[in-house]
Amino acid sequence: MIDPERAIAINRAGWDRVAPSFHGSTALPEYGPLAPSEDALRLLDRTSDVCALELGCGSGHSLRYLAEHGAREVWGVDLSSVQIAFAKETLRDFAPRCRLFESPMEVNPGIPAGHFDLVFSIWGMGWTTDLPATLGLVAEYLRPGGCFLLSGEHPAYGCLEWDGNQYVVAQPYSAEGPLEHSSWKGVPIVIQRRTLGTFVTQTIRAGLRIEALVEGELDASAANETHADPARWYSVARARLIPTTFIIKARKPGDPKP
């Protein structure tokens, strides 16, 4: 078993190095590669006059999308100092409405309880070393009636592997736990493997009520020539077999405060 503190340290160093390669990628209105977008799904309650918090905010492009669409406050948390530096630049025009924290999402770096209409994570929460603790914080941060949105790589997607002629099942779907890679995008990294059932169960145990579970169908309009190669990780051929992305929409019980 990989110690969580060690996993966080490895991932912080890894993301500091690869952050430039991911600048602006997989951000609202997108929920994931080759997956339906917010324009098609309409999962956000609203964008105008909301206080929003993103866990794993990356380069800040999802927060900028919300700010450009009328959000009152945008807050972000990210493990990587490089990502936070990018996010500050991305959100420079909205600085009075923005607060960013360099921190693991597993702990509260100074975020107020009951403050947010929306807490979300676009392909970020899959990296947490402690999913129950992180979801517990989500419930703490939300106002009564507030919305939680989570998107990530579909846990079954990585089970397939291209053998040169066809896709084969390369690992069991039910395998869970941390997996240390010596070279992921050229850096050491620790990936957390969880089933869809684990995400659903832990969301419910955090006291949130699930309103939707979306296993996004292939959005062919999002494909380009690089997605034609079946050996590529995100390819049209693979996405036709298993969705790249899952999305959970949940809500904190209670009536919204006026």
Protein backbone atom coordinates (compact mmCIF):
# COMPACT_ATOMS: atom_id res chain seq x y z
CA MET A 1 0.00 0.00 0.00
CA ILE A 2 1.32 3.45 -0.94
CA ASP A 3 1.35 5.95 1.92
CA PRO A 4 -1.10 8.82 1.14
CA GLU A 5 1.39 11.54 2.09
CA ARG A 6 3.97 9.99 -0.23
CA ALA A 7 1.38 9.75 -3.02
CA ILE A 8 0.51 13.44 -2.58
CA ALA A 9 4.20 14.41 -2.69
CA ILE A 10 4.80 12.35 -5.85
CA ASN A 11 1.74 13.79 -7.56
CA ARG A 12 2.56 17.37 -6.59
CA ALA A 13 6.03 17.03 -8.12
CA GLY A 14 4.65 15.26 -11.18
CA TRP A 15 1.93 17.81 -11.86
CA ASP A 16 4.36 20.69 -11.41
CA ARG A 17 6.32 19.21 -14.32
CA VAL A 18 3.47 18.24 -16.67
CA ALA A 19 1.17 21.22 -15.98
CA PRO A 20 2.22 23.11 -19.15
CA SER A 21 1.11 20.16 -21.30
CA PHE A 22 -2.39 20.26 -19.78
CA HIS A 23 -2.86 24.04 -19.87
CA GLY A 24 -6.48 24.76 -20.78
CA SER A 25 -7.42 21.12 -21.35
CA THR A 26 -10.60 19.38 -20.13
CA ALA A 27 -12.37 22.43 -18.74
CA LEU A 28 -15.94 23.64 -18.74
CA PRO A 29 -18.00 23.65 -20.87
CA GLU A 30 -16.27 20.31 -21.59
CA TYR A 31 -16.74 17.46 -19.11
CA GLY A 32 -14.21 15.10 -20.70
CA PRO A 33 -12.53 14.03 -23.95
CA LEU A 34 -14.96 13.06 -26.71
CA ALA A 35 -17.85 13.40 -24.21
CA PRO A 36 -20.99 15.56 -24.32
CA SER A 37 -20.43 19.11 -23.10
CA GLU A 38 -22.40 21.39 -20.81
CA ASP A 39 -23.96 22.91 -23.93
CA ALA A 40 -25.63 19.54 -24.58
CA LEU A 41 -26.18 18.27 -21.04
CA ARG A 42 -27.27 21.43 -19.16
CA LEU A 43 -26.23 20.07 -15.77
CA LEU A 44 -25.38 23.40 -14.15
CA ASP A 45 -28.28 24.92 -12.22
CA ARG A 46 -27.13 28.34 -13.35
CA THR A 47 -23.92 30.33 -13.72
CA SER A 48 -25.02 33.89 -12.94
CA ASP A 49 -24.57 35.15 -9.37
CA VAL A 50 -23.21 31.84 -8.03
CA CYS A 51 -20.37 31.24 -5.61
CA ALA A 52 -18.41 28.35 -7.12
CA LEU A 53 -15.51 26.24 -5.87
CA GLU A 54 -13.45 23.87 -8.02
CA LEU A 55 -11.39 21.05 -6.52
CA GLY A 56 -8.41 20.37 -8.79
CA CYS A 57 -8.77 23.67 -10.62
CA GLY A 58 -5.73 23.17 -12.86
CA SER A 59 -5.01 26.17 -15.07
CA GLY A 60 -8.27 27.87 -14.04
CA HIS A 61 -10.14 27.65 -17.32
CA SER A 62 -13.33 26.15 -15.84
CA LEU A 63 -13.40 28.94 -13.26
CA ARG A 64 -12.89 31.51 -16.02
CA TYR A 65 -15.82 30.00 -17.93
CA LEU A 66 -18.05 30.51 -14.87
CA ALA A 67 -16.72 34.02 -14.24
CA GLU A 68 -17.38 34.97 -17.86
CA HIS A 69 -20.93 33.68 -17.44
CA GLY A 70 -21.72 35.80 -14.40
CA ALA A 71 -20.44 33.89 -11.35
CA ARG A 72 -20.23 36.16 -8.30
CA GLU A 73 -17.22 34.38 -6.76
CA VAL A 74 -14.87 31.71 -8.11
CA TRP A 75 -12.60 29.75 -5.76
CA GLY A 76 -10.12 27.02 -6.65
CA VAL A 77 -7.88 24.44 -4.99
CA ASP A 78 -5.00 22.63 -6.66
CA LEU A 79 -2.07 20.57 -5.46
CA SER A 80 0.39 22.02 -7.97
CA SER A 81 2.08 25.39 -7.49
CA VAL A 82 2.57 25.60 -11.26
CA GLN A 83 -1.13 25.05 -11.89
CA ILE A 84 -2.04 27.72 -9.33
CA ALA A 85 0.35 30.15 -11.04
CA PHE A 86 -1.34 29.39 -14.38
CA ALA A 87 -4.79 29.82 -12.80
CA LYS A 88 -3.86 33.22 -11.38
CA GLU A 89 -2.87 34.35 -14.85
CA THR A 90 -5.98 32.82 -16.47
CA LEU A 91 -8.21 34.59 -13.94
CA ARG A 92 -6.30 37.86 -13.83
CA ASP A 93 -9.24 39.85 -15.23
CA PHE A 94 -11.48 38.44 -12.49
CA ALA A 95 -9.06 38.78 -9.57
CA PRO A 96 -11.48 40.65 -7.26
CA ARG A 97 -13.90 37.72 -7.53
CA CYS A 98 -11.29 34.96 -7.28
CA ARG A 99 -9.52 33.08 -4.48
CA LEU A 100 -7.05 30.27 -5.11
CA PHE A 101 -5.39 27.81 -2.71
CA GLU A 102 -2.34 25.63 -3.32
CA SER A 103 -3.35 22.57 -1.30
CA PRO A 104 -4.35 18.92 -1.48
CA MET A 105 -8.11 18.65 -1.80
CA GLU A 106 -8.18 16.10 1.04
CA VAL A 107 -7.82 18.92 3.60
CA ASN A 108 -9.48 22.29 4.07
CA PRO A 109 -6.94 25.06 3.38
CA GLY A 110 -9.20 27.79 4.78
CA ILE A 111 -12.41 27.50 2.79
CA PRO A 112 -15.60 28.62 4.58
CA ALA A 113 -18.37 26.14 5.35
CA GLY A 114 -21.82 26.55 3.83
CA HIS A 115 -20.63 29.23 1.40
CA PHE A 116 -21.00 27.74 -2.07
CA ASP A 117 -23.88 27.27 -4.48
CA LEU A 118 -21.69 25.01 -6.61
CA VAL A 119 -18.74 22.76 -5.80
CA PHE A 120 -17.34 20.88 -8.77
CA SER A 121 -14.37 18.93 -10.08
CA ILE A 122 -13.64 18.41 -13.77
CA TRP A 123 -11.29 15.43 -14.02
CA GLY A 124 -9.65 16.39 -10.74
CA MET A 125 -11.18 14.44 -7.88
CA GLY A 126 -10.02 11.11 -9.25
CA TRP A 127 -6.57 12.05 -7.90
CA THR A 128 -7.59 12.37 -4.26
CA THR A 129 -5.96 9.86 -1.92
CA ASP A 130 -9.01 10.00 0.41
CA LEU A 131 -12.30 10.09 -1.46
CA PRO A 132 -14.58 9.93 1.64
CA ALA A 133 -12.74 12.83 3.29
CA THR A 134 -12.83 14.91 0.12
CA LEU A 135 -16.54 14.32 -0.42
CA GLY A 136 -17.15 15.11 3.23
CA LEU A 137 -15.53 18.50 2.64
CA VAL A 138 -17.71 19.00 -0.45
CA ALA A 139 -20.80 18.55 1.73
CA GLU A 140 -19.32 20.96 4.29
CA TYR A 141 -18.55 23.66 1.71
CA LEU A 142 -21.99 23.59 0.06
CA ARG A 143 -24.94 25.66 1.13
CA PRO A 144 -28.21 23.77 1.74
CA GLY A 145 -29.62 23.04 -1.70
CA GLY A 146 -26.20 23.56 -3.29
CA CYS A 147 -25.06 21.51 -6.28
CA PHE A 148 -22.07 19.18 -6.64
CA LEU A 149 -20.75 18.18 -10.07
CA LEU A 150 -18.00 15.61 -10.59
CA SER A 151 -16.60 14.39 -13.89
CA GLY A 152 -13.74 12.00 -14.46
CA GLU A 153 -12.42 9.22 -16.64
CA HIS A 154 -14.87 6.35 -16.68
CA PRO A 155 -13.35 3.61 -14.48
CA ALA A 156 -13.99 0.97 -17.14
CA TYR A 157 -12.26 2.93 -19.89
CA GLY A 158 -8.75 2.07 -18.75
CA CYS A 159 -9.50 -1.64 -18.70
CA LEU A 160 -9.16 -1.77 -22.49
CA GLU A 161 -5.87 -1.98 -24.31
CA TRP A 162 -5.09 -1.97 -28.05
CA ASP A 163 -3.02 -5.03 -28.97
CA GLY A 164 -2.31 -3.88 -32.52
CA ASN A 165 -5.39 -5.52 -34.01
CA GLN A 166 -8.21 -5.18 -31.50
CA TYR A 167 -9.09 -4.00 -28.00
CA VAL A 168 -8.61 -6.53 -25.21
CA VAL A 169 -9.48 -6.38 -21.52
CA ALA A 170 -6.09 -5.78 -19.92
CA GLN A 171 -7.06 -5.38 -16.26
CA PRO A 172 -10.06 -6.22 -14.08
CA TYR A 173 -12.61 -3.47 -13.63
CA SER A 174 -12.98 -4.26 -9.92
CA ALA A 175 -9.29 -3.60 -9.10
CA GLU A 176 -9.15 -0.61 -6.75
CA GLY A 177 -6.45 1.26 -4.87
CA PRO A 178 -3.37 3.36 -5.65
CA LEU A 179 -1.21 2.41 -8.61
CA GLU A 180 2.28 3.87 -8.86
CA HIS A 181 3.60 4.59 -12.35
CA SER A 182 7.30 5.23 -12.85
CA SER A 183 6.62 7.27 -16.00
CA TRP A 184 3.16 8.76 -16.68
CA LYS A 185 3.47 11.50 -19.29
CA GLY A 186 7.17 11.21 -18.53
CA VAL A 187 6.94 11.66 -14.74
CA PRO A 188 6.36 9.39 -11.73
CA ILE A 189 2.75 9.53 -10.60
CA VAL A 190 0.27 7.69 -8.35
CA ILE A 191 -3.11 7.00 -9.92
CA GLN A 192 -6.10 6.10 -7.76
CA ARG A 193 -8.27 3.33 -9.21
CA ARG A 194 -11.93 3.31 -8.13
CA THR A 195 -15.08 1.78 -9.58
CA LEU A 196 -18.12 3.82 -10.49
CA GLY A 197 -19.92 2.14 -7.60
CA THR A 198 -17.34 3.54 -5.18
CA PHE A 199 -17.86 7.09 -6.43
CA VAL A 200 -21.64 6.73 -6.16
CA THR A 201 -21.59 5.09 -2.72
CA GLN A 202 -19.16 7.59 -1.21
CA THR A 203 -21.15 10.52 -2.60
CA ILE A 204 -24.27 9.19 -0.89
CA ARG A 205 -22.40 8.48 2.36
CA ALA A 206 -21.21 12.10 2.39
CA GLY A 207 -24.85 13.09 2.73
CA LEU A 208 -25.38 14.23 -0.85
CA ARG A 209 -28.37 13.22 -2.94
CA ILE A 210 -27.53 12.04 -6.43
CA GLU A 211 -29.72 13.55 -9.14
CA ALA A 212 -27.97 12.26 -12.25
CA LEU A 213 -25.31 9.80 -13.33
CA VAL A 214 -24.18 10.43 -16.89
CA GLU A 215 -21.99 7.97 -18.79
CA GLY A 216 -21.31 10.21 -21.71
CA GLU A 217 -21.85 8.84 -25.19
CA LEU A 218 -19.27 9.61 -27.84
CA ASP A 219 -19.52 13.16 -29.12
CA ALA A 220 -18.10 12.68 -32.61
CA SER A 221 -18.12 16.43 -33.22
CA ALA A 222 -15.36 16.76 -30.60
CA ALA A 223 -13.03 14.43 -32.49
CA ASN A 224 -10.11 15.48 -34.64
CA GLU A 225 -7.57 13.61 -36.75
CA THR A 226 -5.55 12.55 -33.69
CA HIS A 227 -8.55 10.60 -32.35
CA ALA A 228 -8.66 8.38 -35.45
CA ASP A 229 -5.73 6.22 -34.33
CA PRO A 230 -7.13 3.30 -32.28
CA ALA A 231 -3.81 2.98 -30.43
CA ARG A 232 -4.20 6.46 -28.92
CA TRP A 233 -5.61 6.53 -25.40
CA TYR A 234 -8.52 8.78 -26.38
CA SER A 235 -9.67 7.44 -29.70
CA VAL A 236 -13.05 7.35 -31.41
CA ALA A 237 -12.84 3.56 -31.69
CA ARG A 238 -12.24 3.05 -27.97
CA ALA A 239 -14.85 5.65 -26.98
CA ARG A 240 -17.44 3.80 -29.05
CA LEU A 241 -16.90 0.75 -26.83
CA ILE A 242 -16.73 2.43 -23.41
CA PRO A 243 -17.44 6.06 -22.54
CA THR A 244 -14.39 8.15 -21.76
CA THR A 245 -16.23 10.07 -19.06
CA PHE A 246 -18.67 9.72 -16.18
CA ILE A 247 -20.47 12.64 -14.52
CA ILE A 248 -22.27 12.73 -11.18
CA LYS A 249 -24.65 15.53 -10.25
CA ALA A 250 -25.67 15.61 -6.60
CA ARG A 251 -27.20 18.07 -4.14
CA LYS A 252 -26.87 18.92 -0.47
CA PRO A 253 -30.26 18.45 1.20
CA GLY A 254 -32.09 21.49 2.49
CA ASP A 255 -33.77 24.60 1.20
CA PRO A 256 -31.50 27.24 -0.33
CA LYS A 257 -31.06 30.28 1.86
CA PRO A 258 -32.55 33.47 0.43
